PDB file of all heavy atoms in Angstrom:
ATOM      1  N   ARG A   1     -31.148 -23.077   1.237  1.00  0.00           N
ATOM      2  CA  ARG A   1     -32.241 -24.116   1.266  1.00  0.00           C
ATOM      3  C   ARG A   1     -33.032 -24.163   0.002  1.00  0.00           C
ATOM      4  O   ARG A   1     -33.343 -25.236  -0.527  1.00  0.00           O
ATOM      5  CB  ARG A   1     -33.150 -23.836   2.475  1.00  0.00           C
ATOM      6  CG  ARG A   1     -34.193 -24.885   2.685  1.00  0.00           C
ATOM      7  CD  ARG A   1     -35.062 -24.650   3.922  1.00  0.00           C
ATOM      8  NE  ARG A   1     -35.793 -23.337   3.851  1.00  0.00           N
ATOM      9  CZ  ARG A   1     -35.451 -22.274   4.630  1.00  0.00           C
ATOM     10  NH1 ARG A   1     -34.515 -22.314   5.460  1.00  0.00           N
ATOM     11  NH2 ARG A   1     -36.183 -21.152   4.485  1.00  0.00           N
ATOM     12  N   VAL A   2     -33.321 -23.017  -0.590  1.00  0.00           N
ATOM     13  CA  VAL A   2     -34.175 -22.958  -1.803  1.00  0.00           C
ATOM     14  C   VAL A   2     -33.407 -23.299  -3.064  1.00  0.00           C
ATOM     15  O   VAL A   2     -33.886 -24.071  -3.933  1.00  0.00           O
ATOM     16  CB  VAL A   2     -34.809 -21.565  -1.919  1.00  0.00           C
ATOM     17  CG1 VAL A   2     -35.537 -21.415  -3.232  1.00  0.00           C
ATOM     18  CG2 VAL A   2     -35.747 -21.294  -0.765  1.00  0.00           C
ATOM     19  N   ALA A   3     -32.179 -22.829  -3.176  1.00  0.00           N
ATOM     20  CA  ALA A   3     -31.393 -23.056  -4.407  1.00  0.00           C
ATOM     21  C   ALA A   3     -29.936 -23.335  -4.071  1.00  0.00           C
ATOM     22  O   ALA A   3     -29.079 -22.508  -4.300  1.00  0.00           O
ATOM     23  CB  ALA A   3     -31.470 -21.805  -5.316  1.00  0.00           C
ATOM     24  N   PRO A   4     -29.625 -24.478  -3.552  1.00  0.00           N
ATOM     25  CA  PRO A   4     -28.208 -24.774  -3.099  1.00  0.00           C
ATOM     26  C   PRO A   4     -27.269 -24.811  -4.324  1.00  0.00           C
ATOM     27  O   PRO A   4     -26.172 -24.315  -4.203  1.00  0.00           O
ATOM     28  CB  PRO A   4     -28.352 -26.116  -2.399  1.00  0.00           C
ATOM     29  CG  PRO A   4     -29.552 -26.754  -2.891  1.00  0.00           C
ATOM     30  CD  PRO A   4     -30.520 -25.636  -3.250  1.00  0.00           C
ATOM     31  N   LEU A   5     -27.666 -25.358  -5.443  1.00  0.00           N
ATOM     32  CA  LEU A   5     -26.783 -25.505  -6.591  1.00  0.00           C
ATOM     33  C   LEU A   5     -26.542 -24.162  -7.190  1.00  0.00           C
ATOM     34  O   LEU A   5     -25.389 -23.822  -7.613  1.00  0.00           O
ATOM     35  CB  LEU A   5     -27.339 -26.468  -7.611  1.00  0.00           C
ATOM     36  CG  LEU A   5     -27.345 -27.915  -7.202  1.00  0.00           C
ATOM     37  CD1 LEU A   5     -27.985 -28.796  -8.287  1.00  0.00           C
ATOM     38  CD2 LEU A   5     -25.940 -28.411  -6.866  1.00  0.00           C
ATOM     39  N   SER A   6     -27.580 -23.298  -7.310  1.00  0.00           N
ATOM     40  CA  SER A   6     -27.410 -21.973  -7.858  1.00  0.00           C
ATOM     41  C   SER A   6     -26.534 -21.109  -6.959  1.00  0.00           C
ATOM     42  O   SER A   6     -25.715 -20.310  -7.409  1.00  0.00           O
ATOM     43  CB  SER A   6     -28.766 -21.299  -8.050  1.00  0.00           C
ATOM     44  OG  SER A   6     -29.484 -21.977  -9.007  1.00  0.00           O
ATOM     45  N   THR A   7     -26.670 -21.279  -5.650  1.00  0.00           N
ATOM     46  CA  THR A   7     -25.831 -20.564  -4.730  1.00  0.00           C
ATOM     47  C   THR A   7     -24.371 -20.932  -4.822  1.00  0.00           C
ATOM     48  O   THR A   7     -23.485 -20.073  -4.840  1.00  0.00           O
ATOM     49  CB  THR A   7     -26.312 -20.757  -3.255  1.00  0.00           C
ATOM     50  OG1 THR A   7     -27.704 -20.411  -3.221  1.00  0.00           O
ATOM     51  CG2 THR A   7     -25.516 -19.963  -2.286  1.00  0.00           C
ATOM     52  N   ALA A   8     -24.128 -22.274  -4.889  1.00  0.00           N
ATOM     53  CA  ALA A   8     -22.731 -22.747  -5.057  1.00  0.00           C
ATOM     54  C   ALA A   8     -22.181 -22.318  -6.413  1.00  0.00           C
ATOM     55  O   ALA A   8     -21.007 -21.882  -6.457  1.00  0.00           O
ATOM     56  CB  ALA A   8     -22.690 -24.262  -4.930  1.00  0.00           C
ATOM     57  N   GLY A   9     -22.986 -22.374  -7.453  1.00  0.00           N
ATOM     58  CA  GLY A   9     -22.526 -21.916  -8.740  1.00  0.00           C
ATOM     59  C   GLY A   9     -22.215 -20.426  -8.760  1.00  0.00           C
ATOM     60  O   GLY A   9     -21.220 -20.005  -9.348  1.00  0.00           O
ATOM     61  N   PHE A  10     -23.051 -19.657  -8.123  1.00  0.00           N
ATOM     62  CA  PHE A  10     -22.825 -18.171  -8.045  1.00  0.00           C
ATOM     63  C   PHE A  10     -21.493 -17.883  -7.314  1.00  0.00           C
ATOM     64  O   PHE A  10     -20.731 -17.073  -7.774  1.00  0.00           O
ATOM     65  CB  PHE A  10     -23.996 -17.509  -7.382  1.00  0.00           C
ATOM     66  CG  PHE A  10     -23.866 -16.013  -7.219  1.00  0.00           C
ATOM     67  CD1 PHE A  10     -23.960 -15.174  -8.321  1.00  0.00           C
ATOM     68  CD2 PHE A  10     -23.560 -15.462  -6.012  1.00  0.00           C
ATOM     69  CE1 PHE A  10     -23.782 -13.807  -8.242  1.00  0.00           C
ATOM     70  CE2 PHE A  10     -23.391 -14.109  -5.877  1.00  0.00           C
ATOM     71  CZ  PHE A  10     -23.512 -13.270  -6.971  1.00  0.00           C
ATOM     72  N   LEU A  11     -21.308 -18.545  -6.191  1.00  0.00           N
ATOM     73  CA  LEU A  11     -20.074 -18.343  -5.452  1.00  0.00           C
ATOM     74  C   LEU A  11     -18.813 -18.765  -6.199  1.00  0.00           C
ATOM     75  O   LEU A  11     -17.824 -18.106  -6.244  1.00  0.00           O
ATOM     76  CB  LEU A  11     -20.167 -19.014  -4.057  1.00  0.00           C
ATOM     77  CG  LEU A  11     -21.176 -18.429  -3.088  1.00  0.00           C
ATOM     78  CD1 LEU A  11     -21.248 -19.331  -1.857  1.00  0.00           C
ATOM     79  CD2 LEU A  11     -20.809 -17.052  -2.710  1.00  0.00           C
ATOM     80  N   GLY A  12     -18.918 -19.965  -6.813  1.00  0.00           N
ATOM     81  CA  GLY A  12     -17.809 -20.454  -7.559  1.00  0.00           C
ATOM     82  C   GLY A  12     -17.448 -19.604  -8.780  1.00  0.00           C
ATOM     83  O   GLY A  12     -16.278 -19.325  -9.043  1.00  0.00           O
ATOM     84  N   LEU A  13     -18.499 -19.160  -9.485  1.00  0.00           N
ATOM     85  CA  LEU A  13     -18.269 -18.323 -10.665  1.00  0.00           C
ATOM     86  C   LEU A  13     -17.664 -16.970 -10.283  1.00  0.00           C
ATOM     87  O   LEU A  13     -16.854 -16.371 -10.931  1.00  0.00           O
ATOM     88  CB  LEU A  13     -19.550 -18.151 -11.463  1.00  0.00           C
ATOM     89  CG  LEU A  13     -20.059 -19.372 -12.188  1.00  0.00           C
ATOM     90  CD1 LEU A  13     -21.456 -19.127 -12.761  1.00  0.00           C
ATOM     91  CD2 LEU A  13     -19.093 -19.772 -13.317  1.00  0.00           C
ATOM     92  N   SER A  14     -18.151 -16.466  -9.141  1.00  0.00           N
ATOM     93  CA  SER A  14     -17.629 -15.165  -8.667  1.00  0.00           C
ATOM     94  C   SER A  14     -16.121 -15.279  -8.303  1.00  0.00           C
ATOM     95  O   SER A  14     -15.348 -14.364  -8.570  1.00  0.00           O
ATOM     96  CB  SER A  14     -18.396 -14.675  -7.422  1.00  0.00           C
ATOM     97  OG  SER A  14     -19.776 -14.479  -7.764  1.00  0.00           O
ATOM     98  N   VAL A  15     -15.767 -16.370  -7.644  1.00  0.00           N
ATOM     99  CA  VAL A  15     -14.336 -16.592  -7.354  1.00  0.00           C
ATOM    100  C   VAL A  15     -13.485 -16.704  -8.636  1.00  0.00           C
ATOM    101  O   VAL A  15     -12.431 -16.056  -8.743  1.00  0.00           O
ATOM    102  CB  VAL A  15     -14.148 -17.814  -6.439  1.00  0.00           C
ATOM    103  CG1 VAL A  15     -12.678 -18.221  -6.341  1.00  0.00           C
ATOM    104  CG2 VAL A  15     -14.738 -17.549  -5.082  1.00  0.00           C
ATOM    105  N   LEU A  16     -14.037 -17.485  -9.602  1.00  0.00           N
ATOM    106  CA  LEU A  16     -13.276 -17.574 -10.870  1.00  0.00           C
ATOM    107  C   LEU A  16     -13.171 -16.280 -11.579  1.00  0.00           C
ATOM    108  O   LEU A  16     -12.142 -15.940 -12.181  1.00  0.00           O
ATOM    109  CB  LEU A  16     -13.972 -18.654 -11.777  1.00  0.00           C
ATOM    110  CG  LEU A  16     -13.803 -20.088 -11.383  1.00  0.00           C
ATOM    111  CD1 LEU A  16     -14.626 -20.975 -12.285  1.00  0.00           C
ATOM    112  CD2 LEU A  16     -12.377 -20.515 -11.367  1.00  0.00           C
ATOM    113  N   ALA A  17     -14.233 -15.471 -11.558  1.00  0.00           N
ATOM    114  CA  ALA A  17     -14.170 -14.164 -12.205  1.00  0.00           C
ATOM    115  C   ALA A  17     -13.184 -13.270 -11.553  1.00  0.00           C
ATOM    116  O   ALA A  17     -12.497 -12.446 -12.221  1.00  0.00           O
ATOM    117  CB  ALA A  17     -15.563 -13.515 -12.180  1.00  0.00           C
ATOM    118  N   GLY A  18     -13.023 -13.390 -10.254  1.00  0.00           N
ATOM    119  CA  GLY A  18     -11.994 -12.590  -9.560  1.00  0.00           C
ATOM    120  C   GLY A  18     -10.571 -13.071  -9.813  1.00  0.00           C
ATOM    121  O   GLY A  18      -9.639 -12.243  -9.902  1.00  0.00           O
ATOM    122  N   LEU A  19     -10.396 -14.344 -10.049  1.00  0.00           N
ATOM    123  CA  LEU A  19      -9.029 -14.864 -10.323  1.00  0.00           C
ATOM    124  C   LEU A  19      -8.689 -14.800 -11.776  1.00  0.00           C
ATOM    125  O   LEU A  19      -7.498 -14.899 -12.141  1.00  0.00           O
ATOM    126  CB  LEU A  19      -9.021 -16.370  -9.879  1.00  0.00           C
ATOM    127  CG  LEU A  19      -9.080 -16.607  -8.369  1.00  0.00           C
ATOM    128  CD1 LEU A  19      -9.122 -18.077  -8.077  1.00  0.00           C
ATOM    129  CD2 LEU A  19      -7.955 -15.906  -7.635  1.00  0.00           C
ATOM    130  N   SER A  20      -9.628 -14.584 -12.662  1.00  0.00           N
ATOM    131  CA  SER A  20      -9.355 -14.578 -14.088  1.00  0.00           C
ATOM    132  C   SER A  20      -8.329 -13.507 -14.487  1.00  0.00           C
ATOM    133  O   SER A  20      -7.390 -13.801 -15.253  1.00  0.00           O
ATOM    134  CB  SER A  20     -10.637 -14.390 -14.855  1.00  0.00           C
ATOM    135  OG  SER A  20     -10.377 -14.309 -16.257  1.00  0.00           O
ATOM    136  N   PRO A  21      -8.431 -12.262 -14.037  1.00  0.00           N
ATOM    137  CA  PRO A  21      -7.425 -11.275 -14.436  1.00  0.00           C
ATOM    138  C   PRO A  21      -6.041 -11.569 -13.896  1.00  0.00           C
ATOM    139  O   PRO A  21      -5.062 -11.285 -14.543  1.00  0.00           O
ATOM    140  CB  PRO A  21      -7.948  -9.952 -13.838  1.00  0.00           C
ATOM    141  CG  PRO A  21      -9.405 -10.174 -13.560  1.00  0.00           C
ATOM    142  CD  PRO A  21      -9.569 -11.626 -13.320  1.00  0.00           C
ATOM    143  N   VAL A  22      -6.016 -12.169 -12.670  1.00  0.00           N
ATOM    144  CA  VAL A  22      -4.719 -12.532 -12.123  1.00  0.00           C
ATOM    145  C   VAL A  22      -4.050 -13.607 -12.977  1.00  0.00           C
ATOM    146  O   VAL A  22      -2.857 -13.555 -13.284  1.00  0.00           O
ATOM    147  CB  VAL A  22      -4.870 -12.997 -10.696  1.00  0.00           C
ATOM    148  CG1 VAL A  22      -3.546 -13.481 -10.077  1.00  0.00           C
ATOM    149  CG2 VAL A  22      -5.423 -11.886  -9.817  1.00  0.00           C
ATOM    150  N   GLY A  23      -4.868 -14.632 -13.375  1.00  0.00           N
ATOM    151  CA  GLY A  23      -4.339 -15.690 -14.270  1.00  0.00           C
ATOM    152  C   GLY A  23      -3.896 -15.149 -15.620  1.00  0.00           C
ATOM    153  O   GLY A  23      -2.870 -15.573 -16.146  1.00  0.00           O
ATOM    154  N   ALA A  24      -4.661 -14.190 -16.139  1.00  0.00           N
ATOM    155  CA  ALA A  24      -4.306 -13.649 -17.427  1.00  0.00           C
ATOM    156  C   ALA A  24      -2.954 -12.855 -17.342  1.00  0.00           C
ATOM    157  O   ALA A  24      -2.101 -12.986 -18.201  1.00  0.00           O
ATOM    158  CB  ALA A  24      -5.390 -12.711 -17.937  1.00  0.00           C
ATOM    159  N   ALA A  25      -2.797 -12.103 -16.246  1.00  0.00           N
ATOM    160  CA  ALA A  25      -1.539 -11.405 -16.092  1.00  0.00           C
ATOM    161  C   ALA A  25      -0.348 -12.383 -15.948  1.00  0.00           C
ATOM    162  O   ALA A  25       0.689 -12.133 -16.497  1.00  0.00           O
ATOM    163  CB  ALA A  25      -1.620 -10.462 -14.875  1.00  0.00           C
ATOM    164  N   TRP A  26      -0.530 -13.373 -15.133  1.00  0.00           N
ATOM    165  CA  TRP A  26       0.500 -14.378 -14.879  1.00  0.00           C
ATOM    166  C   TRP A  26       0.876 -15.084 -16.194  1.00  0.00           C
ATOM    167  O   TRP A  26       2.068 -15.264 -16.552  1.00  0.00           O
ATOM    168  CB  TRP A  26       0.104 -15.327 -13.858  1.00  0.00           C
ATOM    169  CG  TRP A  26       1.095 -16.418 -13.497  1.00  0.00           C
ATOM    170  CD1 TRP A  26       2.304 -16.254 -13.001  1.00  0.00           C
ATOM    171  CD2 TRP A  26       0.943 -17.790 -13.715  1.00  0.00           C
ATOM    172  NE1 TRP A  26       2.966 -17.430 -12.800  1.00  0.00           N
ATOM    173  CE2 TRP A  26       2.106 -18.432 -13.303  1.00  0.00           C
ATOM    174  CE3 TRP A  26      -0.104 -18.556 -14.198  1.00  0.00           C
ATOM    175  CZ2 TRP A  26       2.262 -19.800 -13.312  1.00  0.00           C
ATOM    176  CZ3 TRP A  26       0.046 -19.948 -14.248  1.00  0.00           C
ATOM    177  CH2 TRP A  26       1.217 -20.558 -13.828  1.00  0.00           C
ATOM    178  N   LEU A  27      -0.151 -15.509 -16.983  1.00  0.00           N
ATOM    179  CA  LEU A  27       0.134 -16.204 -18.222  1.00  0.00           C
ATOM    180  C   LEU A  27       0.758 -15.247 -19.270  1.00  0.00           C
ATOM    181  O   LEU A  27       1.590 -15.709 -20.041  1.00  0.00           O
ATOM    182  CB  LEU A  27      -1.159 -16.827 -18.763  1.00  0.00           C
ATOM    183  CG  LEU A  27      -1.691 -18.027 -18.003  1.00  0.00           C
ATOM    184  CD1 LEU A  27      -3.055 -18.368 -18.487  1.00  0.00           C
ATOM    185  CD2 LEU A  27      -0.729 -19.177 -18.197  1.00  0.00           C
ATOM    186  N   THR A  28       0.379 -14.017 -19.300  1.00  0.00           N
ATOM    187  CA  THR A  28       1.027 -13.046 -20.133  1.00  0.00           C
ATOM    188  C   THR A  28       2.476 -12.887 -19.888  1.00  0.00           C
ATOM    189  O   THR A  28       3.314 -12.899 -20.777  1.00  0.00           O
ATOM    190  CB  THR A  28       0.358 -11.619 -20.006  1.00  0.00           C
ATOM    191  OG1 THR A  28      -1.041 -11.768 -20.313  1.00  0.00           O
ATOM    192  CG2 THR A  28       0.980 -10.616 -20.927  1.00  0.00           C
ATOM    193  N   LYS A  29       2.869 -12.864 -18.605  1.00  0.00           N
ATOM    194  CA  LYS A  29       4.232 -12.811 -18.192  1.00  0.00           C
ATOM    195  C   LYS A  29       4.981 -14.036 -18.656  1.00  0.00           C
ATOM    196  O   LYS A  29       6.104 -13.944 -19.230  1.00  0.00           O
ATOM    197  CB  LYS A  29       4.388 -12.677 -16.657  1.00  0.00           C
ATOM    198  CG  LYS A  29       5.827 -12.613 -16.206  1.00  0.00           C
ATOM    199  CD  LYS A  29       6.013 -13.647 -15.129  1.00  0.00           C
ATOM    200  CE  LYS A  29       7.404 -13.611 -14.538  1.00  0.00           C
ATOM    201  NZ  LYS A  29       8.308 -14.531 -15.157  1.00  0.00           N
ATOM    202  N   LEU A  30       4.373 -15.246 -18.523  1.00  0.00           N
ATOM    203  CA  LEU A  30       5.070 -16.425 -18.964  1.00  0.00           C
ATOM    204  C   LEU A  30       5.188 -16.514 -20.447  1.00  0.00           C
ATOM    205  O   LEU A  30       6.180 -17.024 -21.016  1.00  0.00           O
ATOM    206  CB  LEU A  30       4.281 -17.697 -18.423  1.00  0.00           C
ATOM    207  CG  LEU A  30       4.317 -17.920 -16.910  1.00  0.00           C
ATOM    208  CD1 LEU A  30       3.470 -19.059 -16.528  1.00  0.00           C
ATOM    209  CD2 LEU A  30       5.774 -18.056 -16.423  1.00  0.00           C
ATOM    210  N   VAL A  31       4.181 -16.042 -21.238  1.00  0.00           N
ATOM    211  CA  VAL A  31       4.228 -16.082 -22.678  1.00  0.00           C
ATOM    212  C   VAL A  31       5.315 -15.113 -23.116  1.00  0.00           C
ATOM    213  O   VAL A  31       6.123 -15.429 -24.024  1.00  0.00           O
ATOM    214  CB  VAL A  31       2.890 -15.711 -23.303  1.00  0.00           C
ATOM    215  CG1 VAL A  31       3.026 -15.372 -24.753  1.00  0.00           C
ATOM    216  CG2 VAL A  31       1.904 -16.823 -23.050  1.00  0.00           C
ATOM    217  N   LEU A  32       5.442 -13.945 -22.475  1.00  0.00           N
ATOM    218  CA  LEU A  32       6.471 -12.990 -22.863  1.00  0.00           C
ATOM    219  C   LEU A  32       7.865 -13.499 -22.544  1.00  0.00           C
ATOM    220  O   LEU A  32       8.839 -13.301 -23.266  1.00  0.00           O
ATOM    221  CB  LEU A  32       6.201 -11.625 -22.220  1.00  0.00           C
ATOM    222  CG  LEU A  32       5.041 -10.858 -22.718  1.00  0.00           C
ATOM    223  CD1 LEU A  32       4.774  -9.581 -21.957  1.00  0.00           C
ATOM    224  CD2 LEU A  32       5.190 -10.541 -24.229  1.00  0.00           C
ATOM    225  N   ASP A  33       7.955 -14.160 -21.398  1.00  0.00           N
ATOM    226  CA  ASP A  33       9.247 -14.805 -21.033  1.00  0.00           C
ATOM    227  C   ASP A  33       9.580 -15.909 -22.061  1.00  0.00           C
ATOM    228  O   ASP A  33      10.745 -16.015 -22.448  1.00  0.00           O
ATOM    229  CB  ASP A  33       9.200 -15.418 -19.668  1.00  0.00           C
ATOM    230  CG  ASP A  33       9.229 -14.393 -18.563  1.00  0.00           C
ATOM    231  OD1 ASP A  33       9.532 -13.218 -18.860  1.00  0.00           O
ATOM    232  OD2 ASP A  33       8.893 -14.780 -17.423  1.00  0.00           O
ATOM    233  N   GLY A  34       8.573 -16.631 -22.527  1.00  0.00           N
ATOM    234  CA  GLY A  34       8.866 -17.649 -23.556  1.00  0.00           C
ATOM    235  C   GLY A  34       9.247 -17.085 -24.872  1.00  0.00           C
ATOM    236  O   GLY A  34      10.006 -17.715 -25.645  1.00  0.00           O
ATOM    237  N   LEU A  35       8.742 -15.911 -25.216  1.00  0.00           N
ATOM    238  CA  LEU A  35       9.109 -15.302 -26.482  1.00  0.00           C
ATOM    239  C   LEU A  35      10.517 -14.715 -26.441  1.00  0.00           C
ATOM    240  O   LEU A  35      11.165 -14.602 -27.514  1.00  0.00           O
ATOM    241  CB  LEU A  35       8.131 -14.206 -26.830  1.00  0.00           C
ATOM    242  CG  LEU A  35       6.663 -14.642 -27.144  1.00  0.00           C
ATOM    243  CD1 LEU A  35       5.759 -13.481 -27.363  1.00  0.00           C
ATOM    244  CD2 LEU A  35       6.709 -15.579 -28.375  1.00  0.00           C
ATOM    245  N   THR A  36      10.998 -14.275 -25.310  1.00  0.00           N
ATOM    246  CA  THR A  36      12.318 -13.704 -25.266  1.00  0.00           C
ATOM    247  C   THR A  36      13.429 -14.732 -25.118  1.00  0.00           C
ATOM    248  O   THR A  36      14.579 -14.421 -25.447  1.00  0.00           O
ATOM    249  CB  THR A  36      12.441 -12.709 -24.039  1.00  0.00           C
ATOM    250  OG1 THR A  36      12.131 -13.482 -22.862  1.00  0.00           O
ATOM    251  CG2 THR A  36      11.467 -11.590 -24.207  1.00  0.00           C
TER     252      THR A  36
END
């Protein structure tokens, strides 16, 4: 009620921060596959 945008931003950023290492690992695999 007090800060709906900040709450949504906090939740969204937290999800992105959790997915960031997974995306980095997946992209690293694809880059290495592309180099070979």
